[in-house]
Amino acid sequence: MSEPRVIFGARLKQARQQSGLSQKQLGLEIGIDPATASPRINQYENNRHRPGDQTITKLSETLKVPIAFFFAEDDGLAQLILLCVQLDKKQQRVLAQYIEDKYGIECCIKI
């Protein structure tokens, strides 16, 4: 299992590239000073610095990915997170029930 900080940087870069934004554009969109926007995002992506919770929230909103995506430990889980957030609440409940029934597992959270 990778360290959460390393996972965060890789997922941030993945989401940024998927959105088509440069490091500078992303930094500007979340309110970082233009002089440091690109280097700051670069530091986050390369795991030299970890942003604070407010910045992570801004990144999540700007990149349109849930915060959980940034911390998904493997690509399969990251993919599931991105797929699930595209479903409405009823579809999420149906999918959760299907997974529980199909694989004989039970979740402690009921949606």
PDB file of N, CA and C in Angstrom:
ATOM      1  N   MET A   1       0.843  -1.169   0.000  1.00  0.00           N
ATOM      2  CA  MET A   1       0.000   0.000   0.000  1.00  0.00           C
ATOM      3  C   MET A   1       0.894   1.239   0.000  1.00  0.00           C
ATOM      4  N   SER A   2       0.581   2.178  -0.889  1.00  0.00           N
ATOM      5  CA  SER A   2       1.357   3.414  -0.977  1.00  0.00           C
ATOM      6  C   SER A   2       0.979   4.376   0.128  1.00  0.00           C
ATOM      7  N   GLU A   3       1.904   5.262   0.423  1.00  0.00           N
ATOM      8  CA  GLU A   3       1.647   6.303   1.399  1.00  0.00           C
ATOM      9  C   GLU A   3       0.584   7.253   0.828  1.00  0.00           C
ATOM     10  N   PRO A   4      -0.411   7.676   1.634  1.00  0.00           N
ATOM     11  CA  PRO A   4      -1.474   8.550   1.129  1.00  0.00           C
ATOM     12  C   PRO A   4      -0.961   9.794   0.410  1.00  0.00           C
ATOM     13  N   ARG A   5       0.133  10.341   0.881  1.00  0.00           N
ATOM     14  CA  ARG A   5       0.684  11.549   0.265  1.00  0.00           C
ATOM     15  C   ARG A   5       1.111  11.273  -1.178  1.00  0.00           C
ATOM     16  N   VAL A   6       1.731  10.127  -1.421  1.00  0.00           N
ATOM     17  CA  VAL A   6       2.176   9.761  -2.759  1.00  0.00           C
ATOM     18  C   VAL A   6       0.963   9.507  -3.653  1.00  0.00           C
ATOM     19  N   ILE A   7      -0.016   8.836  -3.119  1.00  0.00           N
ATOM     20  CA  ILE A   7      -1.244   8.579  -3.868  1.00  0.00           C
ATOM     21  C   ILE A   7      -1.893   9.898  -4.259  1.00  0.00           C
ATOM     22  N   PHE A   8      -1.964  10.832  -3.335  1.00  0.00           N
ATOM     23  CA  PHE A   8      -2.604  12.115  -3.605  1.00  0.00           C
ATOM     24  C   PHE A   8      -1.974  12.794  -4.815  1.00  0.00           C
ATOM     25  N   GLY A   9      -0.660  12.890  -4.848  1.00  0.00           N
ATOM     26  CA  GLY A   9       0.022  13.573  -5.948  1.00  0.00           C
ATOM     27  C   GLY A   9      -0.280  12.940  -7.293  1.00  0.00           C
ATOM     28  N   ALA A  10      -0.242  11.624  -7.339  1.00  0.00           N
ATOM     29  CA  ALA A  10      -0.512  10.915  -8.593  1.00  0.00           C
ATOM     30  C   ALA A  10      -1.958  11.114  -9.046  1.00  0.00           C
ATOM     31  N   ARG A  11      -2.892  11.031  -8.105  1.00  0.00           N
ATOM     32  CA  ARG A  11      -4.303  11.209  -8.464  1.00  0.00           C
ATOM     33  C   ARG A  11      -4.592  12.658  -8.884  1.00  0.00           C
ATOM     34  N   LEU A  12      -3.952  13.616  -8.215  1.00  0.00           N
ATOM     35  CA  LEU A  12      -4.137  15.012  -8.595  1.00  0.00           C
ATOM     36  C   LEU A  12      -3.678  15.226 -10.035  1.00  0.00           C
ATOM     37  N   LYS A  13      -2.514  14.708 -10.353  1.00  0.00           N
ATOM     38  CA  LYS A  13      -2.000  14.856 -11.720  1.00  0.00           C
ATOM     39  C   LYS A  13      -2.923  14.189 -12.730  1.00  0.00           C
ATOM     40  N   GLN A  14      -3.404  13.018 -12.381  1.00  0.00           N
ATOM     41  CA  GLN A  14      -4.313  12.279 -13.256  1.00  0.00           C
ATOM     42  C   GLN A  14      -5.586  13.097 -13.518  1.00  0.00           C
ATOM     43  N   ALA A  15      -6.180  13.641 -12.478  1.00  0.00           N
ATOM     44  CA  ALA A  15      -7.413  14.423 -12.627  1.00  0.00           C
ATOM     45  C   ALA A  15      -7.157  15.719 -13.390  1.00  0.00           C
ATOM     46  N   ARG A  16      -6.037  16.356 -13.117  1.00  0.00           N
ATOM     47  CA  ARG A  16      -5.709  17.609 -13.809  1.00  0.00           C
ATOM     48  C   ARG A  16      -5.523  17.357 -15.293  1.00  0.00           C
ATOM     49  N   GLN A  17      -4.768  16.337 -15.639  1.00  0.00           N
ATOM     50  CA  GLN A  17      -4.543  16.029 -17.049  1.00  0.00           C
ATOM     51  C   GLN A  17      -5.845  15.656 -17.751  1.00  0.00           C
ATOM     52  N   GLN A  18      -6.688  14.900 -17.048  1.00  0.00           N
ATOM     53  CA  GLN A  18      -7.987  14.515 -17.618  1.00  0.00           C
ATOM     54  C   GLN A  18      -8.850  15.745 -17.884  1.00  0.00           C
ATOM     55  N   SER A  19      -8.716  16.758 -17.051  1.00  0.00           N
ATOM     56  CA  SER A  19      -9.516  17.975 -17.220  1.00  0.00           C
ATOM     57  C   SER A  19      -8.969  18.885 -18.317  1.00  0.00           C
ATOM     58  N   GLY A  20      -7.729  18.624 -18.746  1.00  0.00           N
ATOM     59  CA  GLY A  20      -7.122  19.433 -19.792  1.00  0.00           C
ATOM     60  C   GLY A  20      -6.506  20.735 -19.301  1.00  0.00           C
ATOM     61  N   LEU A  21      -6.369  20.859 -17.987  1.00  0.00           N
ATOM     62  CA  LEU A  21      -5.792  22.075 -17.420  1.00  0.00           C
ATOM     63  C   LEU A  21      -4.282  21.922 -17.234  1.00  0.00           C
ATOM     64  N   SER A  22      -3.562  23.023 -17.440  1.00  0.00           N
ATOM     65  CA  SER A  22      -2.141  23.027 -17.103  1.00  0.00           C
ATOM     66  C   SER A  22      -2.024  23.212 -15.593  1.00  0.00           C
ATOM     67  N   GLN A  23      -0.830  23.009 -15.078  1.00  0.00           N
ATOM     68  CA  GLN A  23      -0.618  23.242 -13.651  1.00  0.00           C
ATOM     69  C   GLN A  23      -0.932  24.698 -13.300  1.00  0.00           C
ATOM     70  N   LYS A  24      -0.497  25.616 -14.143  1.00  0.00           N
ATOM     71  CA  LYS A  24      -0.746  27.031 -13.880  1.00  0.00           C
ATOM     72  C   LYS A  24      -2.248  27.335 -13.905  1.00  0.00           C
ATOM     73  N   GLN A  25      -2.948  26.825 -14.920  1.00  0.00           N
ATOM     74  CA  GLN A  25      -4.395  27.068 -15.010  1.00  0.00           C
ATOM     75  C   GLN A  25      -5.114  26.549 -13.769  1.00  0.00           C
ATOM     76  N   LEU A  26      -4.760  25.348 -13.329  1.00  0.00           N
ATOM     77  CA  LEU A  26      -5.401  24.787 -12.149  1.00  0.00           C
ATOM     78  C   LEU A  26      -5.107  25.648 -10.933  1.00  0.00           C
ATOM     79  N   GLY A  27      -3.863  26.027 -10.765  1.00  0.00           N
ATOM     80  CA  GLY A  27      -3.502  26.877  -9.638  1.00  0.00           C
ATOM     81  C   GLY A  27      -4.288  28.177  -9.628  1.00  0.00           C
ATOM     82  N   LEU A  28      -4.421  28.797 -10.785  1.00  0.00           N
ATOM     83  CA  LEU A  28      -5.176  30.050 -10.882  1.00  0.00           C
ATOM     84  C   LEU A  28      -6.651  29.823 -10.553  1.00  0.00           C
ATOM     85  N   GLU A  29      -7.202  28.724 -11.040  1.00  0.00           N
ATOM     86  CA  GLU A  29      -8.622  28.424 -10.802  1.00  0.00           C
ATOM     87  C   GLU A  29      -8.944  28.236  -9.325  1.00  0.00           C
ATOM     88  N   ILE A  30      -7.979  27.752  -8.566  1.00  0.00           N
ATOM     89  CA  ILE A  30      -8.251  27.547  -7.133  1.00  0.00           C
ATOM     90  C   ILE A  30      -7.777  28.717  -6.281  1.00  0.00           C
ATOM     91  N   GLY A  31      -7.315  29.767  -6.952  1.00  0.00           N
ATOM     92  CA  GLY A  31      -7.004  30.988  -6.230  1.00  0.00           C
ATOM     93  C   GLY A  31      -5.565  31.158  -5.772  1.00  0.00           C
ATOM     94  N   ILE A  32      -4.651  30.413  -6.354  1.00  0.00           N
ATOM     95  CA  ILE A  32      -3.233  30.577  -6.006  1.00  0.00           C
ATOM     96  C   ILE A  32      -2.695  31.784  -6.772  1.00  0.00           C
ATOM     97  N   ASP A  33      -1.807  32.514  -6.141  1.00  0.00           N
ATOM     98  CA  ASP A  33      -1.174  33.681  -6.756  1.00  0.00           C
ATOM     99  C   ASP A  33      -0.554  33.289  -8.099  1.00  0.00           C
ATOM    100  N   PRO A  34      -0.768  34.098  -9.153  1.00  0.00           N
ATOM    101  CA  PRO A  34      -0.254  33.757 -10.480  1.00  0.00           C
ATOM    102  C   PRO A  34       1.252  33.480 -10.520  1.00  0.00           C
ATOM    103  N   ALA A  35       2.021  34.148  -9.688  1.00  0.00           N
ATOM    104  CA  ALA A  35       3.473  33.966  -9.695  1.00  0.00           C
ATOM    105  C   ALA A  35       3.888  32.588  -9.182  1.00  0.00           C
ATOM    106  N   THR A  36       3.044  31.962  -8.376  1.00  0.00           N
ATOM    107  CA  THR A  36       3.414  30.663  -7.793  1.00  0.00           C
ATOM    108  C   THR A  36       2.447  29.540  -8.153  1.00  0.00           C
ATOM    109  N   ALA A  37       1.465  29.810  -9.015  1.00  0.00           N
ATOM    110  CA  ALA A  37       0.427  28.811  -9.316  1.00  0.00           C
ATOM    111  C   ALA A  37       1.006  27.508  -9.861  1.00  0.00           C
ATOM    112  N   SER A  38       1.816  27.593 -10.900  1.00  0.00           N
ATOM    113  CA  SER A  38       2.367  26.382 -11.506  1.00  0.00           C
ATOM    114  C   SER A  38       3.320  25.640 -10.571  1.00  0.00           C
ATOM    115  N   PRO A  39       4.290  26.346  -9.952  1.00  0.00           N
ATOM    116  CA  PRO A  39       5.189  25.616  -9.051  1.00  0.00           C
ATOM    117  C   PRO A  39       4.470  24.952  -7.876  1.00  0.00           C
ATOM    118  N   ARG A  40       3.434  25.597  -7.386  1.00  0.00           N
ATOM    119  CA  ARG A  40       2.708  25.044  -6.238  1.00  0.00           C
ATOM    120  C   ARG A  40       2.001  23.749  -6.617  1.00  0.00           C
ATOM    121  N   ILE A  41       1.290  23.757  -7.751  1.00  0.00           N
ATOM    122  CA  ILE A  41       0.610  22.530  -8.196  1.00  0.00           C
ATOM    123  C   ILE A  41       1.656  21.450  -8.478  1.00  0.00           C
ATOM    124  N   ASN A  42       2.778  21.830  -9.064  1.00  0.00           N
ATOM    125  CA  ASN A  42       3.857  20.886  -9.320  1.00  0.00           C
ATOM    126  C   ASN A  42       4.342  20.252  -8.024  1.00  0.00           C
ATOM    127  N   GLN A  43       4.475  21.036  -6.978  1.00  0.00           N
ATOM    128  CA  GLN A  43       4.912  20.503  -5.687  1.00  0.00           C
ATOM    129  C   GLN A  43       3.886  19.522  -5.121  1.00  0.00           C
ATOM    130  N   TYR A  44       2.605  19.813  -5.300  1.00  0.00           N
ATOM    131  CA  TYR A  44       1.564  18.883  -4.836  1.00  0.00           C
ATOM    132  C   TYR A  44       1.646  17.572  -5.617  1.00  0.00           C
ATOM    133  N   GLU A  45       1.758  17.687  -6.955  1.00  0.00           N
ATOM    134  CA  GLU A  45       1.780  16.490  -7.795  1.00  0.00           C
ATOM    135  C   GLU A  45       3.024  15.631  -7.559  1.00  0.00           C
ATOM    136  N   ASN A  46       4.118  16.278  -7.226  1.00  0.00           N
ATOM    137  CA  ASN A  46       5.370  15.550  -7.003  1.00  0.00           C
ATOM    138  C   ASN A  46       5.627  15.240  -5.530  1.00  0.00           C
ATOM    139  N   ASN A  47       4.598  15.427  -4.730  1.00  0.00           N
ATOM    140  CA  ASN A  47       4.609  15.028  -3.316  1.00  0.00           C
ATOM    141  C   ASN A  47       5.669  15.742  -2.481  1.00  0.00           C
ATOM    142  N   ARG A  48       6.005  16.946  -2.877  1.00  0.00           N
ATOM    143  CA  ARG A  48       6.927  17.738  -2.065  1.00  0.00           C
ATOM    144  C   ARG A  48       6.176  18.485  -0.975  1.00  0.00           C
ATOM    145  N   HIS A  49       4.920  18.804  -1.247  1.00  0.00           N
ATOM    146  CA  HIS A  49       4.059  19.457  -0.263  1.00  0.00           C
ATOM    147  C   HIS A  49       2.658  18.880  -0.390  1.00  0.00           C
ATOM    148  N   ARG A  50       1.947  18.829   0.720  1.00  0.00           N
ATOM    149  CA  ARG A  50       0.546  18.392   0.707  1.00  0.00           C
ATOM    150  C   ARG A  50      -0.321  19.603   0.990  1.00  0.00           C
ATOM    151  N   PRO A  51      -1.319  19.824   0.140  1.00  0.00           N
ATOM    152  CA  PRO A  51      -2.197  20.967   0.382  1.00  0.00           C
ATOM    153  C   PRO A  51      -3.059  20.754   1.623  1.00  0.00           C
ATOM    154  N   GLY A  52      -3.521  21.843   2.187  1.00  0.00           N
ATOM    155  CA  GLY A  52      -4.435  21.769   3.318  1.00  0.00           C
ATOM    156  C   GLY A  52      -5.825  21.342   2.874  1.00  0.00           C
ATOM    157  N   ASP A  53      -6.673  21.098   3.844  1.00  0.00           N
ATOM    158  CA  ASP A  53      -8.021  20.611   3.565  1.00  0.00           C
ATOM    159  C   ASP A  53      -8.829  21.557   2.674  1.00  0.00           C
ATOM    160  N   GLN A  54      -8.736  22.862   2.897  1.00  0.00           N
ATOM    161  CA  GLN A  54      -9.485  23.819   2.066  1.00  0.00           C
ATOM    162  C   GLN A  54      -9.017  23.771   0.620  1.00  0.00           C
ATOM    163  N   THR A  55      -7.723  23.639   0.426  1.00  0.00           N
ATOM    164  CA  THR A  55      -7.192  23.559  -0.932  1.00  0.00           C
ATOM    165  C   THR A  55      -7.601  22.256  -1.599  1.00  0.00           C
ATOM    166  N   ILE A  56      -7.604  21.165  -0.849  1.00  0.00           N
ATOM    167  CA  ILE A  56      -8.052  19.885  -1.406  1.00  0.00           C
ATOM    168  C   ILE A  56      -9.516  19.994  -1.840  1.00  0.00           C
ATOM    169  N   THR A  57     -10.323  20.663  -1.041  1.00  0.00           N
ATOM    170  CA  THR A  57     -11.726  20.864  -1.407  1.00  0.00           C
ATOM    171  C   THR A  57     -11.840  21.675  -2.691  1.00  0.00           C
ATOM    172  N   LYS A  58     -11.059  22.727  -2.815  1.00  0.00           N
ATOM    173  CA  LYS A  58     -11.078  23.550  -4.038  1.00  0.00           C
ATOM    174  C   LYS A  58     -10.617  22.737  -5.246  1.00  0.00           C
ATOM    175  N   LEU A  59      -9.592  21.920  -5.072  1.00  0.00           N
ATOM    176  CA  LEU A  59      -9.115  21.066  -6.155  1.00  0.00           C
ATOM    177  C   LEU A  59     -10.213  20.088  -6.586  1.00  0.00           C
ATOM    178  N   SER A  60     -10.878  19.500  -5.613  1.00  0.00           N
ATOM    179  CA  SER A  60     -11.952  18.554  -5.881  1.00  0.00           C
ATOM    180  C   SER A  60     -13.077  19.215  -6.681  1.00  0.00           C
ATOM    181  N   GLU A  61     -13.474  20.386  -6.246  1.00  0.00           N
ATOM    182  CA  GLU A  61     -14.559  21.099  -6.927  1.00  0.00           C
ATOM    183  C   GLU A  61     -14.150  21.523  -8.333  1.00  0.00           C
ATOM    184  N   THR A  62     -12.952  22.052  -8.474  1.00  0.00           N
ATOM    185  CA  THR A  62     -12.488  22.529  -9.776  1.00  0.00           C
ATOM    186  C   THR A  62     -12.310  21.388 -10.765  1.00  0.00           C
ATOM    187  N   LEU A  63     -11.771  20.275 -10.303  1.00  0.00           N
ATOM    188  CA  LEU A  63     -11.516  19.131 -11.174  1.00  0.00           C
ATOM    189  C   LEU A  63     -12.727  18.208 -11.303  1.00  0.00           C
ATOM    190  N   LYS A  64     -13.775  18.510 -10.526  1.00  0.00           N
ATOM    191  CA  LYS A  64     -15.027  17.729 -10.559  1.00  0.00           C
ATOM    192  C   LYS A  64     -14.802  16.252 -10.265  1.00  0.00           C
ATOM    193  N   VAL A  65     -14.007  16.016  -9.221  1.00  0.00           N
ATOM    194  CA  VAL A  65     -13.809  14.655  -8.710  1.00  0.00           C
ATOM    195  C   VAL A  65     -14.035  14.696  -7.200  1.00  0.00           C
ATOM    196  N   PRO A  66     -14.564  13.636  -6.617  1.00  0.00           N
ATOM    197  CA  PRO A  66     -14.736  13.630  -5.170  1.00  0.00           C
ATOM    198  C   PRO A  66     -13.387  13.546  -4.454  1.00  0.00           C
ATOM    199  N   ILE A  67     -13.337  14.081  -3.280  1.00  0.00           N
ATOM    200  CA  ILE A  67     -12.112  14.056  -2.489  1.00  0.00           C
ATOM    201  C   ILE A  67     -11.594  12.622  -2.335  1.00  0.00           C
ATOM    202  N   ALA A  68     -12.485  11.671  -2.177  1.00  0.00           N
ATOM    203  CA  ALA A  68     -12.076  10.267  -2.012  1.00  0.00           C
ATOM    204  C   ALA A  68     -11.216   9.780  -3.176  1.00  0.00           C
ATOM    205  N   PHE A  69     -11.450  10.314  -4.368  1.00  0.00           N
ATOM    206  CA  PHE A  69     -10.656   9.916  -5.535  1.00  0.00           C
ATOM    207  C   PHE A  69      -9.170  10.167  -5.300  1.00  0.00           C
ATOM    208  N   PHE A  70      -8.841  11.291  -4.684  1.00  0.00           N
ATOM    209  CA  PHE A  70      -7.440  11.651  -4.457  1.00  0.00           C
ATOM    210  C   PHE A  70      -6.704  10.657  -3.562  1.00  0.00           C
ATOM    211  N   PHE A  71      -7.447   9.891  -2.783  1.00  0.00           N
ATOM    212  CA  PHE A  71      -6.831   8.987  -1.816  1.00  0.00           C
ATOM    213  C   PHE A  71      -7.084   7.506  -2.117  1.00  0.00           C
ATOM    214  N   ALA A  72      -7.686   7.213  -3.280  1.00  0.00           N
ATOM    215  CA  ALA A  72      -7.944   5.822  -3.666  1.00  0.00           C
ATOM    216  C   ALA A  72      -6.615   5.093  -3.837  1.00  0.00           C
ATOM    217  N   GLU A  73      -6.473   3.980  -3.171  1.00  0.00           N
ATOM    218  CA  GLU A  73      -5.189   3.274  -3.117  1.00  0.00           C
ATOM    219  C   GLU A  73      -4.842   2.506  -4.385  1.00  0.00           C
ATOM    220  N   ASP A  74      -5.815   2.206  -5.230  1.00  0.00           N
ATOM    221  CA  ASP A  74      -5.495   1.532  -6.485  1.00  0.00           C
ATOM    222  C   ASP A  74      -6.411   2.056  -7.585  1.00  0.00           C
ATOM    223  N   ASP A  75      -6.029   1.780  -8.814  1.00  0.00           N
ATOM    224  CA  ASP A  75      -6.757   2.324  -9.955  1.00  0.00           C
ATOM    225  C   ASP A  75      -8.192   1.808 -10.047  1.00  0.00           C
ATOM    226  N   GLY A  76      -8.400   0.564  -9.659  1.00  0.00           N
ATOM    227  CA  GLY A  76      -9.756   0.006  -9.703  1.00  0.00           C
ATOM    228  C   GLY A  76     -10.700   0.752  -8.770  1.00  0.00           C
ATOM    229  N   LEU A  77     -10.240   1.018  -7.562  1.00  0.00           N
ATOM    230  CA  LEU A  77     -11.052   1.767  -6.612  1.00  0.00           C
ATOM    231  C   LEU A  77     -11.280   3.194  -7.110  1.00  0.00           C
ATOM    232  N   ALA A  78     -10.255   3.805  -7.664  1.00  0.00           N
ATOM    233  CA  ALA A  78     -10.400   5.162  -8.207  1.00  0.00           C
ATOM    234  C   ALA A  78     -11.447   5.180  -9.318  1.00  0.00           C
ATOM    235  N   GLN A  79     -11.421   4.179 -10.176  1.00  0.00           N
ATOM    236  CA  GLN A  79     -12.391   4.094 -11.261  1.00  0.00           C
ATOM    237  C   GLN A  79     -13.810   3.931 -10.712  1.00  0.00           C
ATOM    238  N   LEU A  80     -13.969   3.076  -9.727  1.00  0.00           N
ATOM    239  CA  LEU A  80     -15.295   2.878  -9.128  1.00  0.00           C
ATOM    240  C   LEU A  80     -15.827   4.172  -8.508  1.00  0.00           C
ATOM    241  N   ILE A  81     -14.960   4.908  -7.839  1.00  0.00           N
ATOM    242  CA  ILE A  81     -15.371   6.175  -7.229  1.00  0.00           C
ATOM    243  C   ILE A  81     -15.880   7.124  -8.310  1.00  0.00           C
ATOM    244  N   LEU A  82     -15.124   7.256  -9.396  1.00  0.00           N
ATOM    245  CA  LEU A  82     -15.529   8.164 -10.464  1.00  0.00           C
ATOM    246  C   LEU A  82     -16.819   7.718 -11.146  1.00  0.00           C
ATOM    247  N   LEU A  83     -16.993   6.420 -11.286  1.00  0.00           N
ATOM    248  CA  LEU A  83     -18.229   5.914 -11.888  1.00  0.00           C
ATOM    249  C   LEU A  83     -19.423   6.139 -10.969  1.00  0.00           C
ATOM    250  N   CYS A  84     -19.256   5.849  -9.697  1.00  0.00           N
ATOM    251  CA  CYS A  84     -20.371   5.947  -8.747  1.00  0.00           C
ATOM    252  C   CYS A  84     -20.884   7.367  -8.572  1.00  0.00           C
ATOM    253  N   VAL A  85     -19.998   8.346  -8.612  1.00  0.00           N
ATOM    254  CA  VAL A  85     -20.464   9.725  -8.408  1.00  0.00           C
ATOM    255  C   VAL A  85     -21.268  10.236  -9.589  1.00  0.00           C
ATOM    256  N   GLN A  86     -21.215   9.520 -10.696  1.00  0.00           N
ATOM    257  CA  GLN A  86     -22.022   9.904 -11.853  1.00  0.00           C
ATOM    258  C   GLN A  86     -23.457   9.383 -11.754  1.00  0.00           C
ATOM    259  N   LEU A  87     -23.693   8.501 -10.781  1.00  0.00           N
ATOM    260  CA  LEU A  87     -25.022   7.935 -10.584  1.00  0.00           C
ATOM    261  C   LEU A  87     -25.818   8.790  -9.610  1.00  0.00           C
ATOM    262  N   ASP A  88     -27.146   8.784  -9.771  1.00  0.00           N
ATOM    263  CA  ASP A  88     -27.968   9.468  -8.774  1.00  0.00           C
ATOM    264  C   ASP A  88     -28.105   8.551  -7.553  1.00  0.00           C
ATOM    265  N   LYS A  89     -28.701   9.074  -6.499  1.00  0.00           N
ATOM    266  CA  LYS A  89     -28.771   8.330  -5.228  1.00  0.00           C
ATOM    267  C   LYS A  89     -29.493   6.992  -5.385  1.00  0.00           C
ATOM    268  N   LYS A  90     -30.568   6.969  -6.159  1.00  0.00           N
ATOM    269  CA  LYS A  90     -31.301   5.717  -6.349  1.00  0.00           C
ATOM    270  C   LYS A  90     -30.426   4.692  -7.072  1.00  0.00           C
ATOM    271  N   GLN A  91     -29.718   5.117  -8.089  1.00  0.00           N
ATOM    272  CA  GLN A  91     -28.839   4.209  -8.812  1.00  0.00           C
ATOM    273  C   GLN A  91     -27.708   3.708  -7.921  1.00  0.00           C
ATOM    274  N   GLN A  92     -27.195   4.568  -7.051  1.00  0.00           N
ATOM    275  CA  GLN A  92     -26.156   4.146  -6.115  1.00  0.00           C
ATOM    276  C   GLN A  92     -26.684   3.073  -5.171  1.00  0.00           C
ATOM    277  N   ARG A  93     -27.921   3.244  -4.685  1.00  0.00           N
ATOM    278  CA  ARG A  93     -28.516   2.231  -3.792  1.00  0.00           C
ATOM    279  C   ARG A  93     -28.684   0.904  -4.522  1.00  0.00           C
ATOM    280  N   VAL A  94     -29.161   0.964  -5.767  1.00  0.00           N
ATOM    281  CA  VAL A  94     -29.351  -0.259  -6.558  1.00  0.00           C
ATOM    282  C   VAL A  94     -28.011  -0.952  -6.781  1.00  0.00           C
ATOM    283  N   LEU A  95     -26.992  -0.186  -7.129  1.00  0.00           N
ATOM    284  CA  LEU A  95     -25.669  -0.764  -7.353  1.00  0.00           C
ATOM    285  C   LEU A  95     -25.113  -1.378  -6.071  1.00  0.00           C
ATOM    286  N   ALA A  96     -25.243  -0.672  -4.962  1.00  0.00           N
ATOM    287  CA  ALA A  96     -24.757  -1.190  -3.682  1.00  0.00           C
ATOM    288  C   ALA A  96     -25.468  -2.504  -3.336  1.00  0.00           C
ATOM    289  N   GLN A  97     -26.777  -2.541  -3.529  1.00  0.00           N
ATOM    290  CA  GLN A  97     -27.530  -3.766  -3.242  1.00  0.00           C
ATOM    291  C   GLN A  97     -27.097  -4.899  -4.164  1.00  0.00           C
ATOM    292  N   TYR A  98     -26.880  -4.587  -5.437  1.00  0.00           N
ATOM    293  CA  TYR A  98     -26.417  -5.595  -6.391  1.00  0.00           C
ATOM    294  C   TYR A  98     -25.074  -6.186  -5.941  1.00  0.00           C
ATOM    295  N   ILE A  99     -24.147  -5.323  -5.559  1.00  0.00           N
ATOM    296  CA  ILE A  99     -22.826  -5.791  -5.127  1.00  0.00           C
ATOM    297  C   ILE A  99     -22.954  -6.663  -3.881  1.00  0.00           C
ATOM    298  N   GLU A 100     -23.763  -6.223  -2.929  1.00  0.00           N
ATOM    299  CA  GLU A 100     -23.969  -7.030  -1.713  1.00  0.00           C
ATOM    300  C   GLU A 100     -24.541  -8.390  -2.053  1.00  0.00           C
ATOM    301  N   ASP A 101     -25.576  -8.419  -2.907  1.00  0.00           N
ATOM    302  CA  ASP A 101     -26.215  -9.680  -3.274  1.00  0.00           C
ATOM    303  C   ASP A 101     -25.288 -10.571  -4.105  1.00  0.00           C
ATOM    304  N   LYS A 102     -24.651  -9.997  -5.096  1.00  0.00           N
ATOM    305  CA  LYS A 102     -23.811 -10.747  -6.031  1.00  0.00           C
ATOM    306  C   LYS A 102     -22.604 -11.374  -5.334  1.00  0.00           C
ATOM    307  N   TYR A 103     -21.993 -10.635  -4.417  1.00  0.00           N
ATOM    308  CA  TYR A 103     -20.753 -11.102  -3.815  1.00  0.00           C
ATOM    309  C   TYR A 103     -20.899 -11.533  -2.358  1.00  0.00           C
ATOM    310  N   GLY A 104     -22.131 -11.518  -1.849  1.00  0.00           N
ATOM    311  CA  GLY A 104     -22.377 -11.994  -0.500  1.00  0.00           C
ATOM    312  C   GLY A 104     -21.673 -11.185   0.569  1.00  0.00           C
ATOM    313  N   ILE A 105     -21.555  -9.910   0.322  1.00  0.00           N
ATOM    314  CA  ILE A 105     -20.920  -9.032   1.303  1.00  0.00           C
ATOM    315  C   ILE A 105     -21.938  -8.022   1.805  1.00  0.00           C
ATOM    316  N   GLU A 106     -21.651  -7.481   2.958  1.00  0.00           N
ATOM    317  CA  GLU A 106     -22.565  -6.505   3.544  1.00  0.00           C
ATOM    318  C   GLU A 106     -21.763  -5.303   3.981  1.00  0.00           C
ATOM    319  N   CYS A 107     -22.322  -4.149   3.720  1.00  0.00           N
ATOM    320  CA  CYS A 107     -21.673  -2.896   4.105  1.00  0.00           C
ATOM    321  C   CYS A 107     -22.328  -2.381   5.382  1.00  0.00           C
ATOM    322  N   CYS A 108     -21.536  -1.742   6.198  1.00  0.00           N
ATOM    323  CA  CYS A 108     -22.074  -1.203   7.458  1.00  0.00           C
ATOM    324  C   CYS A 108     -22.810   0.111   7.260  1.00  0.00           C
ATOM    325  N   ILE A 109     -22.731   0.683   6.066  1.00  0.00           N
ATOM    326  CA  ILE A 109     -23.423   1.940   5.747  1.00  0.00           C
ATOM    327  C   ILE A 109     -24.543   1.621   4.771  1.00  0.00           C
ATOM    328  N   LYS A 110     -25.722   2.045   5.085  1.00  0.00           N
ATOM    329  CA  LYS A 110     -26.859   1.871   4.183  1.00  0.00           C
ATOM    330  C   LYS A 110     -27.210   3.222   3.586  1.00  0.00           C
ATOM    331  N   ILE A 111     -27.284   3.269   2.254  1.00  0.00           N
ATOM    332  CA  ILE A 111     -27.635   4.509   1.582  1.00  0.00           C
ATOM    333  C   ILE A 111     -29.050   4.471   1.075  1.00  0.00           C
TER     334      ILE A 111
END
